[in-house]
N, C-alpha and C. Protein backbone atom coordinates (compact mmCIF):
# COMPACT_ATOMS: atom_id res chain seq x y z
N MET A 1 -44.68 -10.77 11.12
CA MET A 1 -43.43 -11.61 11.20
C MET A 1 -43.29 -12.14 9.67
N ALA A 2 -41.75 -11.22 9.57
CA ALA A 2 -41.43 -11.98 7.80
C ALA A 2 -40.93 -13.52 8.04
N SER A 3 -41.48 -13.85 7.09
CA SER A 3 -40.97 -15.52 6.82
C SER A 3 -39.80 -15.87 6.12
N ARG A 4 -39.14 -16.09 6.38
CA ARG A 4 -37.58 -16.49 6.25
C ARG A 4 -37.43 -17.74 4.46
N LYS A 5 -36.91 -17.38 4.01
CA LYS A 5 -37.02 -18.38 2.73
C LYS A 5 -35.97 -19.30 2.92
N ARG A 6 -36.27 -20.78 3.49
CA ARG A 6 -35.83 -21.76 3.79
C ARG A 6 -34.81 -22.27 2.41
N ARG A 7 -33.61 -22.39 2.93
CA ARG A 7 -32.59 -22.82 1.48
C ARG A 7 -32.20 -24.34 1.19
N ASP A 8 -32.29 -25.17 0.40
CA ASP A 8 -31.72 -26.25 0.47
C ASP A 8 -30.53 -26.19 1.34
N PRO A 9 -30.02 -27.10 1.85
CA PRO A 9 -28.60 -26.96 2.27
C PRO A 9 -27.37 -27.67 1.34
N PHE A 10 -27.91 -28.05 0.29
CA PHE A 10 -26.64 -28.06 -0.71
C PHE A 10 -26.57 -26.97 -1.62
N ASP A 11 -27.72 -25.95 -1.40
CA ASP A 11 -27.32 -24.72 -2.25
C ASP A 11 -25.76 -23.96 -1.98
N ILE A 12 -25.15 -24.21 -1.70
CA ILE A 12 -23.83 -23.73 -1.17
C ILE A 12 -23.16 -24.50 -2.14
N PHE A 13 -22.88 -25.68 -2.02
CA PHE A 13 -22.15 -26.68 -3.12
C PHE A 13 -22.50 -26.46 -4.53
N ARG A 14 -23.52 -25.85 -5.26
CA ARG A 14 -24.26 -25.40 -6.48
C ARG A 14 -23.61 -24.28 -6.50
N ASP A 15 -23.57 -23.07 -5.42
CA ASP A 15 -22.45 -21.93 -5.74
C ASP A 15 -21.20 -22.19 -5.93
N PHE A 16 -20.80 -22.73 -5.12
CA PHE A 16 -19.18 -22.68 -5.44
C PHE A 16 -19.05 -23.88 -6.72
N ASP A 17 -20.03 -24.64 -7.17
CA ASP A 17 -19.74 -25.49 -8.73
C ASP A 17 -19.85 -24.58 -10.06
N GLU A 18 -20.72 -23.11 -9.72
CA GLU A 18 -21.12 -22.24 -10.32
C GLU A 18 -19.71 -21.32 -10.57
N MET A 19 -19.04 -20.94 -9.36
CA MET A 19 -18.20 -19.96 -9.07
C MET A 19 -17.09 -20.86 -10.13
N PHE A 20 -16.79 -22.11 -10.15
CA PHE A 20 -15.56 -22.96 -10.22
C PHE A 20 -16.16 -23.12 -11.67
N ASN A 21 -17.07 -22.77 -12.41
CA ASN A 21 -17.14 -23.07 -13.61
C ASN A 21 -16.95 -21.96 -14.28
N GLU A 22 -17.21 -20.97 -14.00
CA GLU A 22 -17.01 -19.48 -14.19
C GLU A 22 -15.19 -19.04 -14.17
N MET A 23 -15.08 -19.42 -12.87
CA MET A 23 -13.51 -19.44 -13.33
C MET A 23 -12.77 -20.18 -14.45
N PHE A 24 -13.19 -21.22 -14.66
CA PHE A 24 -12.40 -22.28 -15.53
C PHE A 24 -12.86 -21.43 -16.92
N ARG A 25 -13.76 -20.84 -17.44
CA ARG A 25 -14.12 -20.34 -18.36
C ARG A 25 -13.31 -19.23 -18.87
N GLU A 26 -13.09 -18.67 -17.33
CA GLU A 26 -12.31 -17.21 -17.61
C GLU A 26 -10.86 -17.38 -18.38
N MET A 27 -10.27 -18.54 -17.44
CA MET A 27 -9.16 -19.20 -17.52
C MET A 27 -8.78 -19.50 -19.19
N GLU A 28 -9.82 -20.02 -19.62
CA GLU A 28 -9.87 -20.90 -21.06
C GLU A 28 -10.07 -19.73 -21.73
N SER A 29 -10.66 -18.74 -21.64
CA SER A 29 -10.78 -17.20 -22.75
C SER A 29 -9.77 -16.88 -22.61
N GLY A 30 -8.78 -16.55 -21.72
CA GLY A 30 -7.70 -15.54 -21.45
C GLY A 30 -7.79 -14.53 -20.64
N ARG A 31 -8.90 -14.38 -20.03
CA ARG A 31 -9.50 -13.03 -19.26
C ARG A 31 -8.86 -13.20 -18.14
N PHE A 32 -8.43 -14.10 -17.72
CA PHE A 32 -7.85 -14.90 -16.10
C PHE A 32 -6.22 -14.54 -16.62
N PRO A 33 -5.84 -13.92 -15.57
CA PRO A 33 -4.24 -13.61 -15.55
C PRO A 33 -3.83 -14.50 -15.43
N GLN A 34 -2.46 -15.08 -15.68
CA GLN A 34 -1.31 -16.00 -15.12
C GLN A 34 -0.60 -15.22 -14.24
N GLY A 35 0.07 -16.12 -13.30
CA GLY A 35 0.63 -16.19 -12.06
C GLY A 35 0.17 -15.58 -10.72
N GLY A 36 0.89 -14.99 -10.05
CA GLY A 36 0.40 -14.55 -8.80
C GLY A 36 1.66 -14.09 -7.68
N PRO A 37 1.51 -13.67 -6.69
CA PRO A 37 0.59 -14.12 -6.15
C PRO A 37 -0.70 -12.45 -6.18
N PHE A 38 -2.46 -13.14 -6.00
CA PHE A 38 -2.91 -12.08 -6.04
C PHE A 38 -3.32 -11.61 -4.54
N PHE A 39 -3.42 -10.41 -4.23
CA PHE A 39 -3.93 -9.92 -2.74
C PHE A 39 -4.69 -8.72 -2.48
N TYR A 40 -5.24 -8.62 -1.91
CA TYR A 40 -6.18 -7.22 -1.16
C TYR A 40 -6.59 -7.00 -0.11
N GLY A 41 -6.52 -5.80 0.82
CA GLY A 41 -6.81 -5.78 1.53
C GLY A 41 -7.16 -4.27 2.36
N PHE A 42 -6.95 -4.03 3.62
CA PHE A 42 -7.15 -2.45 3.75
C PHE A 42 -6.46 -2.66 5.55
N SER A 43 -5.95 -1.04 5.77
CA SER A 43 -5.53 -1.14 6.89
C SER A 43 -6.32 0.28 7.44
N TRP A 44 -6.43 -0.38 8.81
CA TRP A 44 -7.36 0.91 9.51
C TRP A 44 -6.40 1.56 10.68
N ASN A 45 -6.64 2.87 10.53
CA ASN A 45 -5.44 3.51 11.44
C ASN A 45 -6.58 4.74 12.46
N GLN A 46 -6.56 5.08 13.47
CA GLN A 46 -6.94 6.41 14.17
C GLN A 46 -6.22 7.14 14.95
N ARG A 47 -6.12 8.24 15.02
CA ARG A 47 -4.91 8.69 15.99
C ARG A 47 -5.99 9.55 16.97
N PRO A 48 -5.61 9.70 18.23
CA PRO A 48 -6.35 10.20 19.12
C PRO A 48 -6.99 11.68 18.68
N GLY A 49 -8.22 11.90 18.55
CA GLY A 49 -9.04 13.45 18.09
C GLY A 49 -9.01 13.56 16.72
N GLU A 50 -8.73 12.23 15.78
CA GLU A 50 -9.09 12.49 14.52
C GLU A 50 -10.05 11.28 13.95
N GLU A 51 -10.19 11.44 13.00
CA GLU A 51 -11.07 10.61 12.33
C GLU A 51 -10.59 9.30 11.77
N PRO A 52 -11.14 8.26 11.61
CA PRO A 52 -10.53 6.99 11.27
C PRO A 52 -9.92 7.52 9.96
N GLU A 53 -8.83 6.87 9.70
CA GLU A 53 -8.11 6.74 8.53
C GLU A 53 -7.96 4.84 7.81
N VAL A 54 -9.07 4.24 6.83
CA VAL A 54 -8.72 3.77 6.28
C VAL A 54 -8.27 3.39 4.48
N ARG A 55 -7.34 2.54 4.68
CA ARG A 55 -6.41 2.60 3.38
C ARG A 55 -6.58 1.31 2.67
N GLU A 56 -6.90 1.41 1.26
CA GLU A 56 -6.73 -0.09 0.75
C GLU A 56 -5.53 -0.62 0.30
N PHE A 57 -5.42 -1.51 0.11
CA PHE A 57 -3.72 -2.21 -0.88
C PHE A 57 -3.93 -3.63 -1.01
N GLY A 58 -2.98 -3.46 -2.11
CA GLY A 58 -3.01 -5.09 -2.72
C GLY A 58 -3.08 -4.44 -4.41
N ASN A 59 -2.60 -5.83 -5.30
CA ASN A 59 -2.69 -5.53 -6.65
C ASN A 59 -4.10 -6.00 -7.43
N ILE A 60 -4.79 -5.99 -6.62
CA ILE A 60 -6.42 -6.53 -7.26
C ILE A 60 -7.42 -5.36 -6.64
N ARG A 61 -8.39 -5.36 -7.24
CA ARG A 61 -9.51 -4.55 -6.55
C ARG A 61 -10.69 -5.47 -6.44
N PRO A 62 -11.32 -4.85 -5.11
CA PRO A 62 -12.59 -6.06 -5.14
C PRO A 62 -13.72 -6.06 -6.44
N GLY A 63 -14.16 -7.32 -6.56
CA GLY A 63 -14.88 -7.23 -7.83
C GLY A 63 -14.26 -8.24 -8.80
N ARG A 64 -15.37 -8.00 -10.06
CA ARG A 64 -14.88 -8.73 -11.07
C ARG A 64 -14.10 -8.49 -12.06
N ASP A 65 -13.31 -9.13 -13.06
CA ASP A 65 -12.54 -8.12 -14.12
C ASP A 65 -11.71 -7.48 -13.28
N ASN A 66 -11.36 -7.30 -12.21
CA ASN A 66 -10.24 -6.36 -11.75
C ASN A 66 -9.09 -6.72 -11.68
N ILE A 67 -8.36 -7.73 -11.89
CA ILE A 67 -7.30 -8.49 -11.45
C ILE A 67 -5.93 -8.09 -11.88
N GLN A 68 -5.12 -7.02 -11.17
CA GLN A 68 -3.81 -6.66 -11.97
C GLN A 68 -2.91 -7.05 -11.48
N ILE A 69 -2.01 -7.21 -12.08
CA ILE A 69 -1.11 -7.99 -11.93
C ILE A 69 0.71 -6.85 -12.17
N GLY A 70 1.30 -6.88 -11.45
CA GLY A 70 2.56 -5.52 -11.67
C GLY A 70 2.85 -5.01 -10.05
N GLU A 71 3.02 -3.56 -10.24
CA GLU A 71 3.67 -3.00 -8.85
C GLU A 71 2.92 -3.18 -7.60
N ARG A 72 3.24 -3.87 -6.70
CA ARG A 72 2.38 -3.80 -5.50
C ARG A 72 2.87 -2.30 -4.46
N LYS A 73 1.54 -2.31 -3.80
CA LYS A 73 1.81 -0.94 -2.88
C LYS A 73 2.08 -1.65 -1.47
N PRO A 74 3.50 -1.15 -1.14
CA PRO A 74 3.92 -1.74 0.43
C PRO A 74 2.51 -1.37 1.32
N LEU A 75 2.71 -1.90 2.74
CA LEU A 75 1.58 -1.46 3.75
C LEU A 75 2.78 -0.63 4.41
N VAL A 76 2.37 0.68 4.61
CA VAL A 76 3.16 1.57 5.06
C VAL A 76 2.31 2.60 6.14
N ASP A 77 3.43 2.75 6.99
CA ASP A 77 2.78 3.63 8.63
C ASP A 77 3.64 5.09 8.47
N VAL A 78 3.28 5.87 8.97
CA VAL A 78 4.00 7.16 8.86
C VAL A 78 3.68 7.44 10.34
N PHE A 79 5.21 7.84 11.11
CA PHE A 79 4.56 8.11 12.42
C PHE A 79 5.57 9.64 12.47
N ASP A 80 4.89 10.77 13.04
CA ASP A 80 5.12 11.79 13.03
C ASP A 80 5.17 12.60 14.41
N THR A 81 6.55 12.53 15.09
CA THR A 81 7.24 12.86 16.04
C THR A 81 7.59 14.24 16.30
N ASP A 82 8.15 14.38 17.42
CA ASP A 82 8.56 16.18 17.36
C ASP A 82 9.62 16.59 16.77
N GLU A 83 10.57 15.67 16.60
CA GLU A 83 11.81 15.99 15.71
C GLU A 83 12.06 15.24 14.70
N THR A 84 10.86 14.18 14.48
CA THR A 84 11.50 13.35 13.28
C THR A 84 10.14 12.89 12.37
N VAL A 85 10.34 12.41 11.48
CA VAL A 85 8.95 11.86 10.75
C VAL A 85 9.92 10.18 10.22
N GLN A 86 9.17 9.07 10.77
CA GLN A 86 9.72 7.65 10.61
C GLN A 86 8.29 7.26 9.63
N VAL A 87 9.25 6.67 8.40
CA VAL A 87 7.82 5.87 7.46
C VAL A 87 8.65 4.34 7.46
N ILE A 88 7.60 3.47 7.72
CA ILE A 88 8.13 2.38 7.74
C ILE A 88 7.06 1.13 7.52
N ALA A 89 7.61 0.46 6.37
CA ALA A 89 7.22 -0.11 4.81
C ALA A 89 7.90 -1.44 4.95
N GLU A 90 6.71 -2.46 4.56
CA GLU A 90 6.57 -3.65 4.31
C GLU A 90 6.64 -4.33 3.23
N MET A 91 7.86 -4.98 2.58
CA MET A 91 8.12 -5.23 0.96
C MET A 91 9.13 -6.46 1.19
N PRO A 92 8.38 -7.27 1.66
CA PRO A 92 8.76 -8.88 1.79
C PRO A 92 9.39 -9.24 0.52
N GLY A 93 10.54 -10.07 0.54
CA GLY A 93 11.22 -10.65 -0.85
C GLY A 93 11.85 -9.84 -1.47
N ILE A 94 12.37 -9.19 -1.08
CA ILE A 94 13.37 -8.07 -1.89
C ILE A 94 14.75 -8.33 -1.16
N GLU A 95 15.81 -7.51 -1.29
CA GLU A 95 17.04 -7.64 -1.15
C GLU A 95 17.24 -5.73 -0.47
N LYS A 96 18.00 -5.81 0.18
CA LYS A 96 18.39 -4.07 0.45
C LYS A 96 19.12 -3.56 -0.51
N SER A 97 19.73 -4.17 -1.58
CA SER A 97 20.07 -3.59 -2.57
C SER A 97 19.02 -3.69 -3.53
N ASP A 98 18.10 -3.97 -3.61
CA ASP A 98 16.71 -3.88 -4.21
C ASP A 98 16.04 -2.62 -4.32
N VAL A 99 16.04 -1.64 -3.12
CA VAL A 99 15.65 -0.68 -3.00
C VAL A 99 16.05 0.79 -2.65
N GLU A 100 15.36 1.12 -3.81
CA GLU A 100 15.43 2.60 -4.02
C GLU A 100 14.56 3.85 -3.41
N LEU A 101 15.14 4.97 -2.89
CA LEU A 101 14.24 5.67 -2.06
C LEU A 101 14.54 7.14 -2.42
N GLY A 102 14.03 8.13 -2.74
CA GLY A 102 14.01 9.18 -2.86
C GLY A 102 12.73 10.53 -2.35
N VAL A 103 13.50 11.75 -2.11
CA VAL A 103 12.67 12.67 -1.12
C VAL A 103 12.95 13.71 -2.54
N GLU A 104 11.76 14.42 -2.24
CA GLU A 104 11.60 16.00 -2.82
C GLU A 104 10.45 16.14 -2.14
N GLY A 105 10.70 17.57 -1.28
CA GLY A 105 9.55 18.52 -0.46
C GLY A 105 9.01 17.37 0.35
N ARG A 106 7.57 17.29 0.64
CA ARG A 106 7.26 16.36 1.54
C ARG A 106 6.71 15.03 1.16
N SER A 107 7.26 14.63 0.22
CA SER A 107 7.49 13.18 -0.48
C SER A 107 8.58 12.37 -0.39
N LEU A 108 7.69 11.04 -0.05
CA LEU A 108 9.73 9.79 -0.13
C LEU A 108 8.49 8.91 -1.23
N GLU A 109 9.36 8.78 -1.98
CA GLU A 109 8.90 7.65 -2.78
C GLU A 109 9.83 6.50 -2.62
N ILE A 110 9.04 5.19 -2.66
CA ILE A 110 9.99 4.22 -2.27
C ILE A 110 9.47 3.22 -3.90
N ARG A 111 10.80 2.60 -4.17
CA ARG A 111 10.54 1.93 -5.36
C ARG A 111 11.50 0.33 -5.05
N ALA A 112 11.19 -0.60 -5.26
CA ALA A 112 12.07 -1.95 -5.14
C ALA A 112 11.55 -3.01 -5.81
N ALA A 113 12.68 -3.55 -6.59
CA ALA A 113 12.12 -4.35 -7.72
C ALA A 113 13.07 -5.84 -7.49
N ARG A 114 12.93 -7.07 -7.37
CA ARG A 114 13.43 -8.72 -7.52
C ARG A 114 12.60 -9.28 -7.99
N GLY A 115 13.12 -10.13 -9.26
CA GLY A 115 12.24 -11.19 -9.92
C GLY A 115 10.87 -10.23 -10.07
N ASP A 116 9.90 -11.17 -9.86
CA ASP A 116 8.73 -10.56 -10.18
C ASP A 116 7.81 -9.98 -9.11
N ARG A 117 8.89 -9.73 -8.29
CA ARG A 117 8.11 -8.65 -6.88
C ARG A 117 8.66 -6.97 -7.38
N ARG A 118 7.38 -6.37 -7.25
CA ARG A 118 8.12 -4.96 -7.70
C ARG A 118 7.42 -4.37 -6.72
N TYR A 119 7.70 -3.36 -5.95
CA TYR A 119 6.98 -2.18 -5.02
C TYR A 119 7.16 -0.83 -5.79
N HIS A 120 5.92 0.04 -5.45
CA HIS A 120 5.96 1.23 -5.39
C HIS A 120 5.20 2.26 -5.02
N GLU A 121 5.37 3.15 -4.16
CA GLU A 121 4.28 3.92 -3.63
C GLU A 121 5.02 5.31 -3.35
N THR A 122 4.37 6.39 -3.35
CA THR A 122 5.15 7.91 -2.94
C THR A 122 3.99 8.54 -1.74
N VAL A 123 5.16 8.60 -0.64
CA VAL A 123 4.58 8.38 0.77
C VAL A 123 4.42 9.93 1.21
N GLU A 124 3.27 10.53 1.43
CA GLU A 124 3.03 12.19 1.75
C GLU A 124 3.64 12.26 3.05
N LEU A 125 4.30 13.41 3.08
CA LEU A 125 4.95 13.38 4.43
C LEU A 125 4.25 14.41 5.27
N PRO A 126 4.12 14.06 6.82
CA PRO A 126 3.34 15.46 6.90
C PRO A 126 4.31 16.44 7.44
N ALA A 127 5.44 16.80 7.10
CA ALA A 127 6.26 17.61 7.76
C ALA A 127 7.60 17.90 6.43
N ASP A 128 7.88 19.18 6.66
CA ASP A 128 9.01 19.68 6.15
C ASP A 128 10.27 18.95 6.64
N VAL A 129 11.28 18.55 5.47
CA VAL A 129 12.13 17.27 6.31
C VAL A 129 13.46 17.89 5.41
N ASP A 130 14.72 17.56 6.43
CA ASP A 130 15.74 17.45 6.02
C ASP A 130 16.26 16.49 5.14
N GLN A 131 16.29 16.66 3.92
CA GLN A 131 16.61 15.71 3.05
C GLN A 131 18.08 14.81 3.23
N ASP A 132 18.72 15.69 3.58
CA ASP A 132 20.68 15.17 3.99
C ASP A 132 20.21 14.16 5.37
N SER A 133 19.26 14.23 6.00
CA SER A 133 19.32 13.96 7.43
C SER A 133 18.62 11.98 7.15
N ALA A 134 18.25 11.89 6.26
CA ALA A 134 17.51 10.75 6.15
C ALA A 134 18.31 9.57 6.12
N LYS A 135 18.12 8.59 7.08
CA LYS A 135 18.62 7.06 7.68
C LYS A 135 17.50 6.10 7.02
N ALA A 136 18.42 4.97 6.69
CA ALA A 136 17.02 3.90 6.06
C ALA A 136 17.77 2.53 6.49
N THR A 137 16.89 1.59 6.74
CA THR A 137 17.46 0.22 7.33
C THR A 137 16.26 -0.75 6.64
N TYR A 138 16.92 -1.69 6.46
CA TYR A 138 15.79 -2.61 5.56
C TYR A 138 16.55 -4.27 6.09
N LYS A 139 15.54 -4.72 7.24
CA LYS A 139 15.58 -6.12 8.06
C LYS A 139 14.31 -6.75 7.55
N ASN A 140 14.71 -8.00 7.32
CA ASN A 140 13.40 -9.15 7.42
C ASN A 140 12.24 -8.30 6.95
N GLY A 141 12.43 -7.88 5.51
CA GLY A 141 11.25 -7.70 4.61
C GLY A 141 10.62 -6.03 5.52
N VAL A 142 11.07 -5.52 6.21
CA VAL A 142 10.68 -4.31 6.97
C VAL A 142 11.77 -3.19 6.56
N LEU A 143 11.20 -1.78 5.63
CA LEU A 143 12.15 -1.05 5.55
C LEU A 143 11.58 0.34 6.56
N GLU A 144 12.80 0.71 7.52
CA GLU A 144 12.16 1.70 8.01
C GLU A 144 13.18 3.20 7.65
N VAL A 145 12.47 4.17 7.52
CA VAL A 145 13.37 5.77 6.59
C VAL A 145 13.30 6.91 7.91
N THR A 146 13.83 7.18 8.90
CA THR A 146 13.77 8.20 9.59
C THR A 146 14.31 9.46 8.94
N LEU A 147 13.65 10.68 9.23
CA LEU A 147 13.99 11.66 8.26
C LEU A 147 13.88 13.01 9.62
N LYS A 148 14.63 13.84 9.65
CA LYS A 148 14.82 14.88 10.66
C LYS A 148 13.86 16.05 10.25
N LYS A 149 13.03 16.62 10.99
CA LYS A 149 12.04 17.32 10.39
C LYS A 149 12.87 18.81 10.73
N THR A 150 12.56 20.29 9.41
CA THR A 150 12.89 21.19 9.57
C THR A 150 12.36 22.10 9.85
N ARG A 151 12.65 23.09 10.10
CA ARG A 151 11.80 24.33 10.58
C ARG A 151 11.45 25.23 9.83
N ARG A 152 10.10 25.54 9.08
CA ARG A 152 10.20 26.75 8.25
C ARG A 152 10.53 27.95 8.55
N GLN A 153 11.14 28.35 8.03
CA GLN A 153 11.36 30.18 8.54
C GLN A 153 9.98 30.83 8.26
N ASN A 154 9.74 31.36 9.15
CA ASN A 154 8.61 32.19 9.09
C ASN A 154 8.89 33.52 7.74
N ARG A 155 7.91 33.48 7.33
CA ARG A 155 7.43 34.65 6.18
C ARG A 155 8.34 36.05 5.84
N LYS A 156 9.16 36.07 4.94
CA LYS A 156 9.78 37.24 5.02
C LYS A 156 9.28 38.16 4.15
N LYS A 157 9.44 39.22 4.32
CA LYS A 157 8.69 40.40 3.56
C LYS A 157 9.84 40.87 2.92
N ILE A 158 9.40 40.79 1.35
CA ILE A 158 10.37 41.50 0.64
C ILE A 158 10.22 42.88 -0.15
N ASN A 159 10.79 43.98 0.13
CA ASN A 159 10.65 45.11 -0.54
C ASN A 159 10.90 44.97 -2.49
N VAL A 160 10.07 45.87 -3.15
CA VAL A 160 10.21 45.92 -4.19
C VAL A 160 10.66 47.55 -3.89
N GLU A 161 12.10 47.13 -5.03
CA GLU A 161 12.59 48.57 -5.56
C GLU A 161 11.83 49.36 -6.85
């Protein structure tokens, strides 16, 4: 049986003290950015019969010296139904008038800015959509965009003269 190393119960406090000291040194050196908030997370989604999809989000990356301030990626869900594609994005702290949307091909670009809050994401759509059918609402920090699918025409053979 392997022996476990016993730790002093006060080791945790020493660890905290060391982390705080390192943080203060970084702030004094100017390497620690001012402002915030800083956030990082991931979302997990699994559709029946498919592999799970894990997506990272936030304005920082895990690990040291990677804090980034600037545009945030909103939390986005894409729903593919028989007739529509629906995109839902969480973007708190902005107003409806701050949101800019654009559709090109199978991509939906979302931009929004108000004060120090800036969001940007390009969402790949699962199907071809009718750009003119787009309807969008923004309420309580949640953007909902619904687009009707278009049917791709069958390939047509073109004769060369």
